[in-house]
C-alpha atoms as a PDB file:
ATOM      1  CA  MET A   1     180.455 127.077 130.153  1.00  0.00           C
ATOM      2  CA  THR A   2     181.897 129.226 132.860  1.00  0.00           C
ATOM      3  CA  GLY A   3     180.186 132.325 131.554  1.00  0.00           C
ATOM      4  CA  GLY A   4     176.831 130.519 131.271  1.00  0.00           C
ATOM      5  CA  GLY A   5     177.091 129.300 134.846  1.00  0.00           C
ATOM      6  CA  VAL A   6     177.601 132.844 136.059  1.00  0.00           C
ATOM      7  CA  ALA A   7     174.568 134.033 134.139  1.00  0.00           C
ATOM      8  CA  TYR A   8     172.483 131.219 135.633  1.00  0.00           C
ATOM      9  CA  ALA A   9     173.519 132.123 139.155  1.00  0.00           C
ATOM     10  CA  ALA A  10     172.720 135.751 138.525  1.00  0.00           C
ATOM     11  CA  MET A  11     169.114 134.847 137.772  1.00  0.00           C
ATOM     12  CA  ASP A  12     168.676 132.918 141.096  1.00  0.00           C
ATOM     13  CA  ASN A  13     166.824 134.945 143.812  1.00  0.00           C
ATOM     14  CA  SER A  14     167.567 134.328 147.460  1.00  0.00           C
ATOM     15  CA  VAL A  15     164.359 135.009 149.490  1.00  0.00           C
ATOM     16  CA  GLN A  16     163.800 134.911 153.289  1.00  0.00           C
ATOM     17  CA  LEU A  17     160.527 133.081 153.881  1.00  0.00           C
ATOM     18  CA  THR A  18     158.982 133.151 157.373  1.00  0.00           C
ATOM     19  CA  VAL A  19     156.029 130.824 157.884  1.00  0.00           C
ATOM     20  CA  ASP A  20     154.254 130.948 161.265  1.00  0.00           C
ATOM     21  CA  GLY A  21     157.396 132.365 162.871  1.00  0.00           C
ATOM     22  CA  LYS A  22     159.863 129.928 161.328  1.00  0.00           C
ATOM     23  CA  THR A  23     162.321 131.350 158.757  1.00  0.00           C
ATOM     24  CA  GLN A  24     164.029 129.616 155.877  1.00  0.00           C
ATOM     25  CA  THR A  25     165.973 130.760 152.844  1.00  0.00           C
ATOM     26  CA  VAL A  26     164.478 129.898 149.486  1.00  0.00           C
ATOM     27  CA  HIS A  27     166.480 130.030 146.211  1.00  0.00           C
ATOM     28  CA  THR A  28     164.227 130.496 143.239  1.00  0.00           C
ATOM     29  CA  PHE A  29     164.033 131.774 139.713  1.00  0.00           C
ATOM     30  CA  SER A  30     160.450 132.901 140.436  1.00  0.00           C
ATOM     31  CA  ASP A  31     159.720 136.595 140.332  1.00  0.00           C
ATOM     32  CA  ASP A  32     156.461 136.753 142.360  1.00  0.00           C
ATOM     33  CA  VAL A  33     155.322 135.774 145.884  1.00  0.00           C
ATOM     34  CA  SER A  34     152.852 133.122 144.735  1.00  0.00           C
ATOM     35  CA  SER A  35     155.538 131.215 142.823  1.00  0.00           C
ATOM     36  CA  VAL A  36     157.960 131.354 145.736  1.00  0.00           C
ATOM     37  CA  LEU A  37     155.347 129.863 148.073  1.00  0.00           C
ATOM     38  CA  GLU A  38     154.533 127.146 145.564  1.00  0.00           C
ATOM     39  CA  LYS A  39     158.228 126.202 145.296  1.00  0.00           C
ATOM     40  CA  ALA A  40     158.430 126.064 149.120  1.00  0.00           C
ATOM     41  CA  ASP A  41     155.243 123.907 149.335  1.00  0.00           C
ATOM     42  CA  VAL A  42     153.462 126.512 151.441  1.00  0.00           C
ATOM     43  CA  ASP A  43     149.683 126.494 151.032  1.00  0.00           C
ATOM     44  CA  THR A  44     147.597 129.545 151.920  1.00  0.00           C
ATOM     45  CA  GLY A  45     143.906 130.303 152.229  1.00  0.00           C
ATOM     46  CA  LYS A  46     141.755 133.407 152.141  1.00  0.00           C
ATOM     47  CA  ARG A  47     141.951 133.848 155.944  1.00  0.00           C
ATOM     48  CA  ASP A  48     145.763 133.613 156.022  1.00  0.00           C
ATOM     49  CA  LEU A  49     148.088 136.609 156.161  1.00  0.00           C
ATOM     50  CA  VAL A  50     150.618 136.868 153.301  1.00  0.00           C
ATOM     51  CA  ALA A  51     152.956 139.862 153.011  1.00  0.00           C
ATOM     52  CA  PRO A  52     153.613 141.056 150.450  1.00  0.00           C
ATOM     53  CA  LYS A  53     150.450 139.898 148.721  1.00  0.00           C
ATOM     54  CA  LEU A  54     150.535 136.872 146.418  1.00  0.00           C
ATOM     55  CA  SER A  55     150.641 138.871 143.192  1.00  0.00           C
ATOM     56  CA  SER A  56     153.551 141.049 144.311  1.00  0.00           C
ATOM     57  CA  SER A  57     156.894 140.765 142.451  1.00  0.00           C
ATOM     58  CA  ILE A  58     159.879 139.530 144.385  1.00  0.00           C
ATOM     59  CA  GLY A  59     163.603 140.048 144.062  1.00  0.00           C
ATOM     60  CA  ASP A  60     166.865 138.841 145.508  1.00  0.00           C
ATOM     61  CA  GLY A  61     167.111 139.481 149.241  1.00  0.00           C
ATOM     62  CA  ASP A  62     163.409 140.161 149.728  1.00  0.00           C
ATOM     63  CA  ARG A  63     161.382 138.754 152.621  1.00  0.00           C
ATOM     64  CA  ILE A  64     157.998 137.014 152.626  1.00  0.00           C
ATOM     65  CA  VAL A  65     155.901 136.497 155.780  1.00  0.00           C
ATOM     66  CA  VAL A  66     153.071 133.964 155.997  1.00  0.00           C
ATOM     67  CA  LYS A  67     150.817 133.557 159.023  1.00  0.00           C
ATOM     68  CA  HIS A  68     148.178 130.839 158.813  1.00  0.00           C
ATOM     69  CA  ALA A  69     144.806 131.584 160.383  1.00  0.00           C
ATOM     70  CA  ARG A  70     143.737 129.689 163.501  1.00  0.00           C
ATOM     71  CA  LYS A  71     140.247 129.376 164.949  1.00  0.00           C
ATOM     72  CA  VAL A  72     140.387 130.684 168.495  1.00  0.00           C
ATOM     73  CA  THR A  73     137.567 130.629 171.035  1.00  0.00           C
ATOM     74  CA  ILE A  74     137.906 133.052 173.919  1.00  0.00           C
ATOM     75  CA  SER A  75     135.477 132.924 176.842  1.00  0.00           C
ATOM     76  CA  VAL A  76     135.376 136.298 178.602  1.00  0.00           C
ATOM     77  CA  ASP A  77     133.658 135.961 181.986  1.00  0.00           C
ATOM     78  CA  GLY A  78     131.681 133.047 180.582  1.00  0.00           C
ATOM     79  CA  LYS A  79     130.699 134.730 177.317  1.00  0.00           C
ATOM     80  CA  GLU A  80     132.229 133.029 174.255  1.00  0.00           C
ATOM     81  CA  GLN A  81     133.702 134.739 171.211  1.00  0.00           C
ATOM     82  CA  LYS A  82     134.951 132.774 168.198  1.00  0.00           C
ATOM     83  CA  ARG A  83     137.246 134.245 165.594  1.00  0.00           C
ATOM     84  CA  TRP A  84     139.862 133.334 162.980  1.00  0.00           C
ATOM     85  CA  VAL A  85     143.143 135.016 163.875  1.00  0.00           C
ATOM     86  CA  THR A  86     146.667 135.002 162.507  1.00  0.00           C
ATOM     87  CA  ALA A  87     148.155 135.370 165.963  1.00  0.00           C
ATOM     88  CA  LEU A  88     150.886 132.889 166.773  1.00  0.00           C
ATOM     89  CA  SER A  89     150.699 133.241 170.580  1.00  0.00           C
ATOM     90  CA  VAL A  90     148.028 133.661 173.225  1.00  0.00           C
ATOM     91  CA  SER A  91     149.272 137.200 173.847  1.00  0.00           C
ATOM     92  CA  GLU A  92     148.821 138.151 170.183  1.00  0.00           C
ATOM     93  CA  ALA A  93     145.377 136.519 170.083  1.00  0.00           C
ATOM     94  CA  LEU A  94     144.225 138.534 173.083  1.00  0.00           C
ATOM     95  CA  LYS A  95     145.269 141.738 171.335  1.00  0.00           C
ATOM     96  CA  GLN A  96     143.426 140.733 168.166  1.00  0.00           C
ATOM     97  CA  PHE A  97     140.323 140.189 170.307  1.00  0.00           C
ATOM     98  CA  GLY A  98     140.779 143.663 171.779  1.00  0.00           C
ATOM     99  CA  LEU A  99     141.630 142.340 175.251  1.00  0.00           C
ATOM    100  CA  ARG A 100     144.471 144.497 176.607  1.00  0.00           C
ATOM    101  CA  ASP A 101     143.829 144.690 180.370  1.00  0.00           C
ATOM    102  CA  LYS A 102     147.110 143.781 182.080  1.00  0.00           C
ATOM    103  CA  ASN A 103     145.265 142.572 185.200  1.00  0.00           C
ATOM    104  CA  MET A 104     143.021 140.044 183.474  1.00  0.00           C
ATOM    105  CA  ARG A 105     143.474 136.389 184.234  1.00  0.00           C
ATOM    106  CA  VAL A 106     144.129 134.019 181.340  1.00  0.00           C
ATOM    107  CA  SER A 107     143.791 130.247 181.448  1.00  0.00           C
ATOM    108  CA  ALA A 108     146.975 129.729 179.375  1.00  0.00           C
ATOM    109  CA  ASP A 109     150.408 131.289 179.561  1.00  0.00           C
ATOM    110  CA  ARG A 110     150.466 134.329 177.295  1.00  0.00           C
ATOM    111  CA  SER A 111     153.572 133.075 175.533  1.00  0.00           C
ATOM    112  CA  THR A 112     151.930 129.770 174.608  1.00  0.00           C
ATOM    113  CA  ARG A 113     152.006 129.079 170.873  1.00  0.00           C
ATOM    114  CA  ILE A 114     148.603 128.580 169.248  1.00  0.00           C
ATOM    115  CA  PRO A 115     148.499 125.386 167.129  1.00  0.00           C
ATOM    116  CA  LEU A 116     147.002 125.362 163.647  1.00  0.00           C
ATOM    117  CA  SER A 117     144.098 123.323 165.009  1.00  0.00           C
ATOM    118  CA  GLY A 118     143.065 126.308 167.118  1.00  0.00           C
ATOM    119  CA  MET A 119     142.684 126.876 170.829  1.00  0.00           C
ATOM    120  CA  GLU A 120     140.188 127.670 173.572  1.00  0.00           C
ATOM    121  CA  ILE A 121     141.136 130.381 176.067  1.00  0.00           C
ATOM    122  CA  GLU A 122     139.311 131.495 179.198  1.00  0.00           C
ATOM    123  CA  VAL A 123     139.659 135.085 180.364  1.00  0.00           C
ATOM    124  CA  SER A 124     138.480 136.641 183.619  1.00  0.00           C
ATOM    125  CA  LEU A 125     138.331 140.419 183.730  1.00  0.00           C
ATOM    126  CA  PRO A 126     138.877 142.190 187.067  1.00  0.00           C
ATOM    127  CA  LYS A 127     135.867 143.976 188.550  1.00  0.00           C
ATOM    128  CA  ARG A 128     135.860 146.488 191.368  1.00  0.00           C
ATOM    129  CA  VAL A 129     133.224 145.328 193.865  1.00  0.00           C
ATOM    130  CA  SER A 130     132.371 145.628 197.545  1.00  0.00           C
ATOM    131  CA  VAL A 131     131.214 142.890 199.899  1.00  0.00           C
ATOM    132  CA  THR A 132     129.520 143.765 203.199  1.00  0.00           C
ATOM    133  CA  ALA A 133     129.208 141.068 205.851  1.00  0.00           C
ATOM    134  CA  ASP A 134     129.314 140.987 209.644  1.00  0.00           C
ATOM    135  CA  ASP A 135     129.218 144.825 209.822  1.00  0.00           C
ATOM    136  CA  GLU A 136     132.353 145.108 207.696  1.00  0.00           C
ATOM    137  CA  THR A 137     132.755 146.189 204.072  1.00  0.00           C
ATOM    138  CA  GLU A 138     135.637 145.034 201.911  1.00  0.00           C
ATOM    139  CA  LYS A 139     136.446 146.577 198.541  1.00  0.00           C
ATOM    140  CA  LEU A 140     138.315 144.299 196.175  1.00  0.00           C
ATOM    141  CA  LEU A 141     139.140 143.319 192.626  1.00  0.00           C
ATOM    142  CA  SER A 142     137.333 140.111 191.772  1.00  0.00           C
ATOM    143  CA  PHE A 143     138.025 137.948 188.756  1.00  0.00           C
ATOM    144  CA  GLY A 144     134.905 135.871 189.341  1.00  0.00           C
ATOM    145  CA  THR A 145     131.995 135.611 186.950  1.00  0.00           C
ATOM    146  CA  THR A 146     129.223 135.519 189.574  1.00  0.00           C
ATOM    147  CA  VAL A 147     128.324 137.300 192.797  1.00  0.00           C
ATOM    148  CA  GLY A 148     129.113 134.068 194.635  1.00  0.00           C
ATOM    149  CA  ASP A 149     132.650 134.124 193.220  1.00  0.00           C
ATOM    150  CA  ALA A 150     133.151 137.643 194.575  1.00  0.00           C
ATOM    151  CA  VAL A 151     131.881 136.618 198.010  1.00  0.00           C
ATOM    152  CA  ALA A 152     134.408 133.771 198.028  1.00  0.00           C
ATOM    153  CA  ASP A 153     137.180 136.116 196.833  1.00  0.00           C
ATOM    154  CA  ALA A 154     136.411 138.340 199.815  1.00  0.00           C
ATOM    155  CA  GLY A 155     136.940 135.363 202.130  1.00  0.00           C
ATOM    156  CA  VAL A 156     133.336 135.404 203.321  1.00  0.00           C
ATOM    157  CA  SER A 157     131.770 132.023 204.018  1.00  0.00           C
ATOM    158  CA  THR A 158     128.025 131.440 203.994  1.00  0.00           C
ATOM    159  CA  ASP A 159     125.694 128.636 205.000  1.00  0.00           C
ATOM    160  CA  SER A 160     122.321 127.531 203.680  1.00  0.00           C
ATOM    161  CA  ASN A 161     120.432 129.964 205.952  1.00  0.00           C
ATOM    162  CA  ASP A 162     122.363 133.086 204.985  1.00  0.00           C
ATOM    163  CA  VAL A 163     120.999 135.435 202.332  1.00  0.00           C
ATOM    164  CA  VAL A 164     123.195 137.111 199.727  1.00  0.00           C
ATOM    165  CA  LYS A 165     121.908 140.069 197.712  1.00  0.00           C
ATOM    166  CA  PRO A 166     122.090 140.119 194.764  1.00  0.00           C
ATOM    167  CA  LYS A 167     121.739 136.338 194.416  1.00  0.00           C
ATOM    168  CA  GLN A 168     124.986 134.411 194.270  1.00  0.00           C
ATOM    169  CA  SER A 169     124.127 133.072 190.822  1.00  0.00           C
ATOM    170  CA  LYS A 170     123.839 136.580 189.348  1.00  0.00           C
ATOM    171  CA  LYS A 171     126.478 137.609 186.800  1.00  0.00           C
ATOM    172  CA  LEU A 172     129.077 139.803 188.473  1.00  0.00           C
ATOM    173  CA  GLU A 173     129.295 143.341 187.172  1.00  0.00           C
ATOM    174  CA  GLU A 174     131.714 146.229 187.623  1.00  0.00           C
ATOM    175  CA  GLY A 175     130.854 148.258 190.735  1.00  0.00           C
ATOM    176  CA  GLU A 176     128.650 145.516 192.222  1.00  0.00           C
ATOM    177  CA  LYS A 177     127.638 146.140 195.841  1.00  0.00           C
ATOM    178  CA  ILE A 178     127.067 142.838 197.620  1.00  0.00           C
ATOM    179  CA  ARG A 179     125.477 142.339 201.039  1.00  0.00           C
ATOM    180  CA  VAL A 180     125.576 139.129 203.077  1.00  0.00           C
ATOM    181  CA  TYR A 181     122.848 138.789 205.691  1.00  0.00           C
ATOM    182  CA  ARG A 182     123.547 136.352 208.525  1.00  0.00           C
ATOM    183  CA  VAL A 183     120.396 134.368 209.149  1.00  0.00           C
ATOM    184  CA  SER A 184     119.733 131.938 211.977  1.00  0.00           C
ATOM    185  CA  ILE A 185     116.570 130.093 212.956  1.00  0.00           C
ATOM    186  CA  LYS A 186     115.478 129.795 216.588  1.00  0.00           C
ATOM    187  CA  LYS A 187     112.853 127.181 217.421  1.00  0.00           C
ATOM    188  CA  THR A 188     110.550 127.520 220.437  1.00  0.00           C
ATOM    189  CA  LYS A 189     107.421 125.863 221.784  1.00  0.00           C
ATOM    190  CA  LYS A 190     104.503 126.944 223.945  1.00  0.00           C
ATOM    191  CA  THR A 191     101.781 124.981 225.727  1.00  0.00           C
ATOM    192  CA  VAL A 192      98.343 126.552 225.327  1.00  0.00           C
ATOM    193  CA  ALA A 193      94.748 125.691 226.181  1.00  0.00           C
ATOM    194  CA  ILE A 194      92.266 124.559 223.556  1.00  0.00           C
ATOM    195  CA  ALA A 195      88.841 126.116 224.045  1.00  0.00           C
ATOM    196  CA  PRO A 196      86.072 123.505 224.092  1.00  0.00           C
ATOM    197  CA  PRO A 197      83.873 123.446 221.004  1.00  0.00           C
ATOM    198  CA  VAL A 198      80.345 124.711 221.635  1.00  0.00           C
ATOM    199  CA  LYS A 199      77.316 122.630 220.800  1.00  0.00           C
ATOM    200  CA  LYS A 200      73.981 124.461 220.828  1.00  0.00           C
ATOM    201  CA  GLU A 201      70.771 122.594 221.529  1.00  0.00           C
ATOM    202  CA  LYS A 202      67.342 124.115 221.126  1.00  0.00           C
ATOM    203  CA  THR A 203      64.859 123.768 223.974  1.00  0.00           C
ATOM    204  CA  ASP A 204      61.364 125.054 224.593  1.00  0.00           C
ATOM    205  CA  ASP A 205      62.076 125.091 228.310  1.00  0.00           C
ATOM    206  CA  LEU A 206      63.604 128.520 227.751  1.00  0.00           C
ATOM    207  CA  GLU A 207      62.158 131.578 226.060  1.00  0.00           C
ATOM    208  CA  ARG A 208      63.677 132.967 222.889  1.00  0.00           C
ATOM    209  CA  GLY A 209      66.732 135.049 223.743  1.00  0.00           C
ATOM    210  CA  GLU A 210      67.533 132.960 226.812  1.00  0.00           C
ATOM    211  CA  THR A 211      70.459 130.541 227.009  1.00  0.00           C
ATOM    212  CA  LYS A 212      71.742 128.143 229.620  1.00  0.00           C
ATOM    213  CA  VAL A 213      74.985 126.218 229.927  1.00  0.00           C
ATOM    214  CA  GLU A 214      74.035 122.603 230.456  1.00  0.00           C
ATOM    215  CA  ASP A 215      77.576 121.197 230.332  1.00  0.00           C
ATOM    216  CA  PRO A 216      80.623 123.505 230.581  1.00  0.00           C
ATOM    217  CA  GLY A 217      82.844 120.921 228.910  1.00  0.00           C
ATOM    218  CA  LYS A 218      86.607 120.914 229.486  1.00  0.00           C
ATOM    219  CA  ALA A 219      89.453 122.789 227.850  1.00  0.00           C
ATOM    220  CA  GLY A 220      92.085 120.770 226.026  1.00  0.00           C
ATOM    221  CA  LYS A 221      95.823 121.293 225.817  1.00  0.00           C
ATOM    222  CA  LYS A 222      98.313 121.492 222.953  1.00  0.00           C
ATOM    223  CA  VAL A 223     101.941 122.325 222.269  1.00  0.00           C
ATOM    224  CA  VAL A 224     102.552 124.891 219.515  1.00  0.00           C
ATOM    225  CA  TYR A 225     105.972 124.931 217.837  1.00  0.00           C
ATOM    226  CA  TYR A 226     107.350 128.162 216.399  1.00  0.00           C
ATOM    227  CA  LYS A 227     110.387 129.260 214.461  1.00  0.00           C
ATOM    228  CA  THR A 228     111.848 132.752 214.582  1.00  0.00           C
ATOM    229  CA  ARG A 229     114.087 134.103 211.825  1.00  0.00           C
ATOM    230  CA  ILE A 230     116.961 136.214 213.117  1.00  0.00           C
ATOM    231  CA  VAL A 231     118.667 138.422 210.511  1.00  0.00           C
ATOM    232  CA  ASP A 232     121.919 140.111 211.532  1.00  0.00           C
ATOM    233  CA  GLY A 233     120.850 139.819 215.155  1.00  0.00           C
ATOM    234  CA  LYS A 234     117.349 141.217 214.665  1.00  0.00           C
ATOM    235  CA  LYS A 235     114.467 138.904 215.525  1.00  0.00           C
ATOM    236  CA  GLY A 236     111.452 138.599 213.253  1.00  0.00           C
ATOM    237  CA  GLU A 237     107.928 137.543 214.185  1.00  0.00           C
ATOM    238  CA  PRO A 238     107.606 133.916 215.331  1.00  0.00           C
ATOM    239  CA  LYS A 239     105.829 131.706 212.809  1.00  0.00           C
ATOM    240  CA  LYS A 240     103.874 128.621 213.764  1.00  0.00           C
ATOM    241  CA  ILE A 241     105.233 125.531 212.051  1.00  0.00           C
ATOM    242  CA  ARG A 242     103.191 122.783 213.689  1.00  0.00           C
ATOM    243  CA  GLU A 243     101.241 121.827 216.775  1.00  0.00           C
ATOM    244  CA  LYS A 244     100.672 118.683 218.816  1.00  0.00           C
ATOM    245  CA  VAL A 245      97.490 118.023 220.822  1.00  0.00           C
ATOM    246  CA  LEU A 246      98.213 116.722 224.300  1.00  0.00           C
ATOM    247  CA  LYS A 247      94.612 116.559 225.471  1.00  0.00           C
ATOM    248  CA  LYS A 248      91.471 116.923 223.390  1.00  0.00           C
ATOM    249  CA  PRO A 249      88.827 119.367 224.669  1.00  0.00           C
ATOM    250  CA  GLU A 250      85.407 118.171 225.741  1.00  0.00           C
ATOM    251  CA  THR A 251      82.360 119.781 224.138  1.00  0.00           C
ATOM    252  CA  LYS A 252      80.473 122.573 225.911  1.00  0.00           C
ATOM    253  CA  THR A 253      76.681 122.267 225.595  1.00  0.00           C
ATOM    254  CA  VAL A 254      74.528 125.403 225.572  1.00  0.00           C
ATOM    255  CA  LEU A 255      70.721 125.320 225.616  1.00  0.00           C
ATOM    256  CA  VAL A 256      69.052 127.941 223.417  1.00  0.00           C
ATOM    257  CA  GLY A 257      65.454 128.926 224.142  1.00  0.00           C
ATOM    258  CA  THR A 258      62.786 128.550 221.454  1.00  0.00           C
ATOM    259  CA  ALA A 259      59.609 129.198 223.498  1.00  0.00           C
ATOM    260  CA  ALA A 260      57.572 132.325 222.828  1.00  0.00           C
ATOM    261  CA  PRO A 261      57.993 135.012 225.494  1.00  0.00           C
ATOM    262  CA  SER A 262      55.482 134.792 228.325  1.00  0.00           C
ATOM    263  CA  SER A 263      52.281 136.718 227.755  1.00  0.00           C
ATOM    264  CA  GLY A 264      52.523 138.445 231.101  1.00  0.00           C
ATOM    265  CA  MET A 265      53.300 141.794 229.529  1.00  0.00           C
ATOM    266  CA  ASP A 266      51.929 143.942 232.306  1.00  0.00           C
ATOM    267  CA  GLY A 267      55.137 144.066 234.327  1.00  0.00           C
ATOM    268  CA  THR A 268      56.655 147.201 235.703  1.00  0.00           C
ATOM    269  CA  PHE A 269      59.029 147.487 232.739  1.00  0.00           C
ATOM    270  CA  TRP A 270      56.144 148.943 230.705  1.00  0.00           C
ATOM    271  CA  THR A 271      56.580 152.189 232.632  1.00  0.00           C
ATOM    272  CA  LEU A 272      60.405 152.163 232.689  1.00  0.00           C
ATOM    273  CA  GLY A 273      61.772 155.694 233.044  1.00  0.00           C
ATOM    274  CA  GLY A 274      58.293 157.151 233.211  1.00  0.00           C
ATOM    275  CA  TRP A 275      57.472 156.364 229.592  1.00  0.00           C
ATOM    276  CA  ASP A 276      54.400 154.484 228.351  1.00  0.00           C
ATOM    277  CA  TRP A 277      56.188 151.674 226.504  1.00  0.00           C
ATOM    278  CA  LYS A 278      53.028 149.635 225.938  1.00  0.00           C
ATOM    279  CA  TYR A 279      51.587 152.596 224.052  1.00  0.00           C
ATOM    280  CA  LEU A 280      54.666 152.818 221.791  1.00  0.00           C
ATOM    281  CA  ALA A 281      54.843 149.032 221.275  1.00  0.00           C
ATOM    282  CA  GLU A 282      51.193 148.869 220.280  1.00  0.00           C
ATOM    283  CA  CYS A 283      51.797 151.484 217.597  1.00  0.00           C
ATOM    284  CA  GLU A 284      55.120 150.148 216.328  1.00  0.00           C
ATOM    285  CA  SER A 285      54.472 146.384 216.279  1.00  0.00           C
ATOM    286  CA  GLY A 286      50.963 145.684 217.556  1.00  0.00           C
ATOM    287  CA  MET A 287      52.606 144.406 220.762  1.00  0.00           C
ATOM    288  CA  ASN A 288      54.380 141.642 218.823  1.00  0.00           C
ATOM    289  CA  PRO A 289      57.974 141.038 220.043  1.00  0.00           C
ATOM    290  CA  ASP A 290      58.582 138.931 216.873  1.00  0.00           C
ATOM    291  CA  ALA A 291      57.398 141.607 214.446  1.00  0.00           C
ATOM    292  CA  SER A 292      59.508 142.342 211.359  1.00  0.00           C
ATOM    293  CA  ASN A 293      59.100 144.421 208.214  1.00  0.00           C
ATOM    294  CA  GLY A 294      62.357 143.104 206.690  1.00  0.00           C
ATOM    295  CA  THR A 295      64.662 145.811 208.010  1.00  0.00           C
ATOM    296  CA  HIS A 296      63.256 146.575 211.477  1.00  0.00           C
ATOM    297  CA  PHE A 297      62.508 144.088 214.226  1.00  0.00           C
ATOM    298  CA  GLY A 298      60.781 143.493 217.545  1.00  0.00           C
ATOM    299  CA  LEU A 299      58.381 145.426 219.754  1.00  0.00           C
ATOM    300  CA  TYR A 300      59.952 148.768 218.945  1.00  0.00           C
ATOM    301  CA  GLN A 301      61.087 148.020 215.382  1.00  0.00           C
ATOM    302  CA  PHE A 302      64.847 148.322 215.881  1.00  0.00           C
ATOM    303  CA  SER A 303      67.146 148.336 212.872  1.00  0.00           C
ATOM    304  CA  GLN A 304      70.040 145.939 213.400  1.00  0.00           C
ATOM    305  CA  SER A 305      72.580 148.758 213.651  1.00  0.00           C
ATOM    306  CA  THR A 306      70.457 150.693 216.168  1.00  0.00           C
ATOM    307  CA  TRP A 307      69.940 147.555 218.256  1.00  0.00           C
ATOM    308  CA  GLU A 308      73.694 146.976 218.393  1.00  0.00           C
ATOM    309  CA  SER A 309      74.402 150.663 219.172  1.00  0.00           C
ATOM    310  CA  VAL A 310      72.508 150.326 222.456  1.00  0.00           C
ATOM    311  CA  GLY A 311      74.273 147.112 223.449  1.00  0.00           C
ATOM    312  CA  GLY A 312      71.969 144.548 221.872  1.00  0.00           C
ATOM    313  CA  THR A 313      73.379 141.336 220.394  1.00  0.00           C
ATOM    314  CA  GLY A 314      71.937 138.939 217.863  1.00  0.00           C
ATOM    315  CA  ASP A 315      68.439 139.393 216.454  1.00  0.00           C
ATOM    316  CA  PRO A 316      66.251 141.848 218.464  1.00  0.00           C
ATOM    317  CA  ARG A 317      63.363 139.392 218.113  1.00  0.00           C
ATOM    318  CA  ASP A 318      65.274 136.808 220.124  1.00  0.00           C
ATOM    319  CA  ALA A 319      65.391 139.109 223.140  1.00  0.00           C
ATOM    320  CA  SER A 320      62.644 139.125 225.775  1.00  0.00           C
ATOM    321  CA  PRO A 321      60.135 142.016 225.894  1.00  0.00           C
ATOM    322  CA  GLU A 322      61.887 143.201 229.044  1.00  0.00           C
ATOM    323  CA  GLU A 323      65.268 143.400 227.288  1.00  0.00           C
ATOM    324  CA  GLN A 324      63.769 145.054 224.214  1.00  0.00           C
ATOM    325  CA  THR A 325      62.215 147.686 226.463  1.00  0.00           C
ATOM    326  CA  ARG A 326      65.498 148.286 228.317  1.00  0.00           C
ATOM    327  CA  ARG A 327      67.282 148.815 224.984  1.00  0.00           C
ATOM    328  CA  ALA A 328      64.538 151.187 223.820  1.00  0.00           C
ATOM    329  CA  TYR A 329      64.873 153.166 227.065  1.00  0.00           C
ATOM    330  CA  LYS A 330      68.636 153.387 226.533  1.00  0.00           C
ATOM    331  CA  LEU A 331      67.989 154.704 223.027  1.00  0.00           C
ATOM    332  CA  ILE A 332      65.526 157.352 224.191  1.00  0.00           C
ATOM    333  CA  GLU A 333      67.950 158.444 226.894  1.00  0.00           C
ATOM    334  CA  SER A 334      70.822 158.894 224.404  1.00  0.00           C
ATOM    335  CA  ALA A 335      69.007 160.123 221.276  1.00  0.00           C
ATOM    336  CA  GLY A 336      65.560 161.293 222.378  1.00  0.00           C
ATOM    337  CA  PRO A 337      62.039 160.068 221.461  1.00  0.00           C
ATOM    338  CA  SER A 338      62.272 161.223 217.837  1.00  0.00           C
ATOM    339  CA  GLN A 339      63.752 157.835 216.859  1.00  0.00           C
ATOM    340  CA  TRP A 340      60.273 156.419 216.228  1.00  0.00           C
ATOM    341  CA  THR A 341      57.613 157.429 213.751  1.00  0.00           C
ATOM    342  CA  CYS A 342      54.940 156.537 216.283  1.00  0.00           C
ATOM    343  CA  PRO A 343      54.296 159.049 219.051  1.00  0.00           C
ATOM    344  CA  THR A 344      55.709 158.506 222.527  1.00  0.00           C
ATOM    345  CA  ARG A 345      54.124 159.642 225.761  1.00  0.00           C
ATOM    346  CA  ARG A 346      54.777 159.773 229.441  1.00  0.00           C
ATOM    347  CA  VAL A 347      52.752 157.744 231.896  1.00  0.00           C
END
């Protein structure tokens, strides 16, 4: 019996089994890893780490390591990554995710053990940025995820009027150059006159081309409110935001002549400047101050542009024969008599 007991003991293997960092000694007659784990009631899956592998043979004094996989979610500057890892601590998980920056900020202590149920970890990577505000530039390492975070890290406060470029909601990037513009709004007001509206009334008491102010009306008064945007001390253009009428204007009435020009066309203006204007008018328009061929008008058949070039306003036909003759004389003085197809002559 004694000899048999010795032989039995000789066949017993003593194995060091470490499961998720915890070690125990297992005595077994099994000769492979899979059997040892079965005896120790250790279940494994395809994502788990087993060393040596399950099919490996095992002997007395050997060691088996099992690390169960855990589903870890790491958010790096707001961007999530999900992965099954066999890391037992936050520090190991970060390495398995390829995150090795010593300066990064982690939401959990790096020595924290990761439970089998998994874990969510937030990581903020440092970014070298610059923030310019109030004529000063500060270079810093920011762990924020947005431009606004970096502005806060720089100790710069802003209000609703200030402008930050890029926008504070923009994702913060390495090397970001941020500028804070101090904006203030100045409100002003100014009292101004309101010109009276003009009402025109036709009358045959005046010849065409003649006008007369029957009632000058009265100007009104209003207050105009402006706002001026001041950026870093520099004023912009004032912008009108509203106005308030203090006194309404009274309408100005202007009489506009509709009567045909008087037929007394033998005045001295017919020989203005020593020219025979009646002779030219007879040829150009048949002495009709209202004549028109569609593009040329009046006694001397002015084009609109020519009429305006010699100081005429409105339709040449609305001017009196005297005014039409004065404009024609001005034209002949500046450009010569070749302006007309009809011949001109001196008196």
